[in-house]
């Protein structure tokens, strides 16, 4: 197990980041930059979904968890965005 920690595969038990899943960490980082859904202007965090701008499968590891690669969206807007029914241009500030 120490070998895995040295290679960066596992967080150290005292590391506060190990308490968050990668999804939670991504959501937290996006929420620091995006206070509300850009379309609905909904600010209630419990109703918003953290969505990747550049798809997860096309990202390197740093992009996958970067808040700059995300948007907080209302669930129906997130679904439209994921299915390419609305574009990033529509979501610009």
C-alpha atoms as a PDB file:
ATOM      1  CA  UNK A   1       0.000   0.000   0.000  1.00  0.00           C
ATOM      2  CA  UNK A   2       2.782   2.544   0.672  1.00  0.00           C
ATOM      3  CA  UNK A   3       4.019   1.842  -2.865  1.00  0.00           C
ATOM      4  CA  UNK A   4       0.614   2.886  -4.259  1.00  0.00           C
ATOM      5  CA  UNK A   5       0.664   6.066  -2.146  1.00  0.00           C
ATOM      6  CA  UNK A   6       4.118   7.030  -3.446  1.00  0.00           C
ATOM      7  CA  UNK A   7       2.919   6.653  -7.025  1.00  0.00           C
ATOM      8  CA  UNK A   8      -0.104   8.863  -6.315  1.00  0.00           C
ATOM      9  CA  UNK A   9      -2.753   6.163  -6.655  1.00  0.00           C
ATOM     10  CA  UNK A  10      -4.069   6.508  -3.123  1.00  0.00           C
ATOM     11  CA  UNK A  11      -4.530   9.491  -0.858  1.00  0.00           C
ATOM     12  CA  UNK A  12      -2.913   9.365   2.545  1.00  0.00           C
ATOM     13  CA  UNK A  13      -5.482   8.700   5.294  1.00  0.00           C
ATOM     14  CA  UNK A  14      -4.918  12.125   6.896  1.00  0.00           C
ATOM     15  CA  UNK A  15      -5.251  13.929   3.573  1.00  0.00           C
ATOM     16  CA  UNK A  16      -8.624  15.802   3.652  1.00  0.00           C
ATOM     17  CA  UNK A  17      -9.085  15.221  -0.086  1.00  0.00           C
ATOM     18  CA  UNK A  18      -9.352  11.473   0.492  1.00  0.00           C
ATOM     19  CA  UNK A  19     -12.680  12.144   2.218  1.00  0.00           C
ATOM     20  CA  UNK A  20     -14.195  13.378  -1.059  1.00  0.00           C
ATOM     21  CA  UNK A  21     -14.884  11.264  -4.103  1.00  0.00           C
ATOM     22  CA  UNK A  22     -13.583  12.605  -7.402  1.00  0.00           C
ATOM     23  CA  UNK A  23     -17.169  13.592  -8.317  1.00  0.00           C
ATOM     24  CA  UNK A  24     -17.578  15.540  -5.076  1.00  0.00           C
ATOM     25  CA  UNK A  25     -14.201  17.205  -5.531  1.00  0.00           C
ATOM     26  CA  UNK A  26     -15.090  18.223  -9.100  1.00  0.00           C
ATOM     27  CA  UNK A  27     -18.478  19.576  -7.973  1.00  0.00           C
ATOM     28  CA  UNK A  28     -16.851  21.562  -5.167  1.00  0.00           C
ATOM     29  CA  UNK A  29     -14.322  23.102  -7.547  1.00  0.00           C
ATOM     30  CA  UNK A  30     -17.008  23.992 -10.097  1.00  0.00           C
ATOM     31  CA  UNK A  31     -19.214  25.507  -7.374  1.00  0.00           C
ATOM     32  CA  UNK A  32     -16.343  27.801  -6.348  1.00  0.00           C
ATOM     33  CA  UNK A  33     -16.432  29.309  -9.863  1.00  0.00           C
ATOM     34  CA  UNK A  34     -20.111  28.897 -10.787  1.00  0.00           C
ATOM     35  CA  UNK A  35     -22.592  30.129  -8.155  1.00  0.00           C
ATOM     36  CA  UNK A  36     -25.728  29.343 -10.190  1.00  0.00           C
ATOM     37  CA  UNK A  37     -27.078  27.716 -13.339  1.00  0.00           C
ATOM     38  CA  UNK A  38     -26.312  30.006 -16.285  1.00  0.00           C
ATOM     39  CA  UNK A  39     -29.671  29.339 -17.937  1.00  0.00           C
ATOM     40  CA  UNK A  40     -32.168  29.175 -15.085  1.00  0.00           C
ATOM     41  CA  UNK A  41     -30.148  31.317 -12.617  1.00  0.00           C
ATOM     42  CA  UNK A  42     -31.079  28.780  -9.920  1.00  0.00           C
ATOM     43  CA  UNK A  43     -28.705  29.154  -6.958  1.00  0.00           C
ATOM     44  CA  UNK A  44     -29.847  26.246  -4.764  1.00  0.00           C
ATOM     45  CA  UNK A  45     -26.764  24.017  -4.857  1.00  0.00           C
ATOM     46  CA  UNK A  46     -28.664  20.863  -3.922  1.00  0.00           C
ATOM     47  CA  UNK A  47     -30.628  21.072  -7.185  1.00  0.00           C
ATOM     48  CA  UNK A  48     -27.680  21.713  -9.509  1.00  0.00           C
ATOM     49  CA  UNK A  49     -25.554  19.208 -11.435  1.00  0.00           C
ATOM     50  CA  UNK A  50     -21.828  19.668 -12.085  1.00  0.00           C
ATOM     51  CA  UNK A  51     -21.323  19.036 -15.786  1.00  0.00           C
ATOM     52  CA  UNK A  52     -18.039  18.759 -17.707  1.00  0.00           C
ATOM     53  CA  UNK A  53     -17.540  21.167 -20.600  1.00  0.00           C
ATOM     54  CA  UNK A  54     -14.924  18.989 -22.265  1.00  0.00           C
ATOM     55  CA  UNK A  55     -16.197  15.394 -21.994  1.00  0.00           C
ATOM     56  CA  UNK A  56     -14.619  13.255 -19.257  1.00  0.00           C
ATOM     57  CA  UNK A  57     -13.393  10.667 -21.779  1.00  0.00           C
ATOM     58  CA  UNK A  58     -11.456  13.362 -23.697  1.00  0.00           C
ATOM     59  CA  UNK A  59      -9.819  14.919 -20.617  1.00  0.00           C
ATOM     60  CA  UNK A  60      -6.454  14.300 -19.043  1.00  0.00           C
ATOM     61  CA  UNK A  61      -6.424  13.776 -15.265  1.00  0.00           C
ATOM     62  CA  UNK A  62      -5.974  17.455 -14.393  1.00  0.00           C
ATOM     63  CA  UNK A  63      -8.846  18.531 -16.671  1.00  0.00           C
ATOM     64  CA  UNK A  64     -11.179  15.917 -15.205  1.00  0.00           C
ATOM     65  CA  UNK A  65     -11.112  17.554 -11.772  1.00  0.00           C
ATOM     66  CA  UNK A  66     -10.622  21.165 -12.840  1.00  0.00           C
ATOM     67  CA  UNK A  67     -13.444  23.506 -11.875  1.00  0.00           C
ATOM     68  CA  UNK A  68     -12.656  25.544 -14.991  1.00  0.00           C
ATOM     69  CA  UNK A  69     -13.813  22.563 -17.074  1.00  0.00           C
ATOM     70  CA  UNK A  70     -17.266  22.564 -15.532  1.00  0.00           C
ATOM     71  CA  UNK A  71     -20.629  24.247 -15.255  1.00  0.00           C
ATOM     72  CA  UNK A  72     -23.296  24.014 -12.569  1.00  0.00           C
ATOM     73  CA  UNK A  73     -26.550  23.401 -14.401  1.00  0.00           C
ATOM     74  CA  UNK A  74     -30.146  22.624 -13.573  1.00  0.00           C
ATOM     75  CA  UNK A  75     -30.776  18.929 -14.306  1.00  0.00           C
ATOM     76  CA  UNK A  76     -32.869  19.517 -17.432  1.00  0.00           C
ATOM     77  CA  UNK A  77     -30.292  21.975 -18.820  1.00  0.00           C
ATOM     78  CA  UNK A  78     -27.517  19.468 -18.049  1.00  0.00           C
ATOM     79  CA  UNK A  79     -29.357  16.783 -20.019  1.00  0.00           C
ATOM     80  CA  UNK A  80     -29.808  19.119 -23.000  1.00  0.00           C
ATOM     81  CA  UNK A  81     -26.120  20.109 -22.825  1.00  0.00           C
ATOM     82  CA  UNK A  82     -24.936  16.475 -22.622  1.00  0.00           C
ATOM     83  CA  UNK A  83     -27.031  15.553 -25.646  1.00  0.00           C
ATOM     84  CA  UNK A  84     -25.766  18.587 -27.612  1.00  0.00           C
ATOM     85  CA  UNK A  85     -29.197  20.229 -27.857  1.00  0.00           C
ATOM     86  CA  UNK A  86     -27.658  23.408 -26.462  1.00  0.00           C
ATOM     87  CA  UNK A  87     -24.082  24.540 -26.960  1.00  0.00           C
ATOM     88  CA  UNK A  88     -21.424  26.293 -24.915  1.00  0.00           C
ATOM     89  CA  UNK A  89     -22.195  29.480 -26.836  1.00  0.00           C
ATOM     90  CA  UNK A  90     -25.704  29.487 -25.344  1.00  0.00           C
ATOM     91  CA  UNK A  91     -24.193  29.053 -21.880  1.00  0.00           C
ATOM     92  CA  UNK A  92     -21.657  31.873 -22.134  1.00  0.00           C
ATOM     93  CA  UNK A  93     -21.794  34.509 -19.423  1.00  0.00           C
END
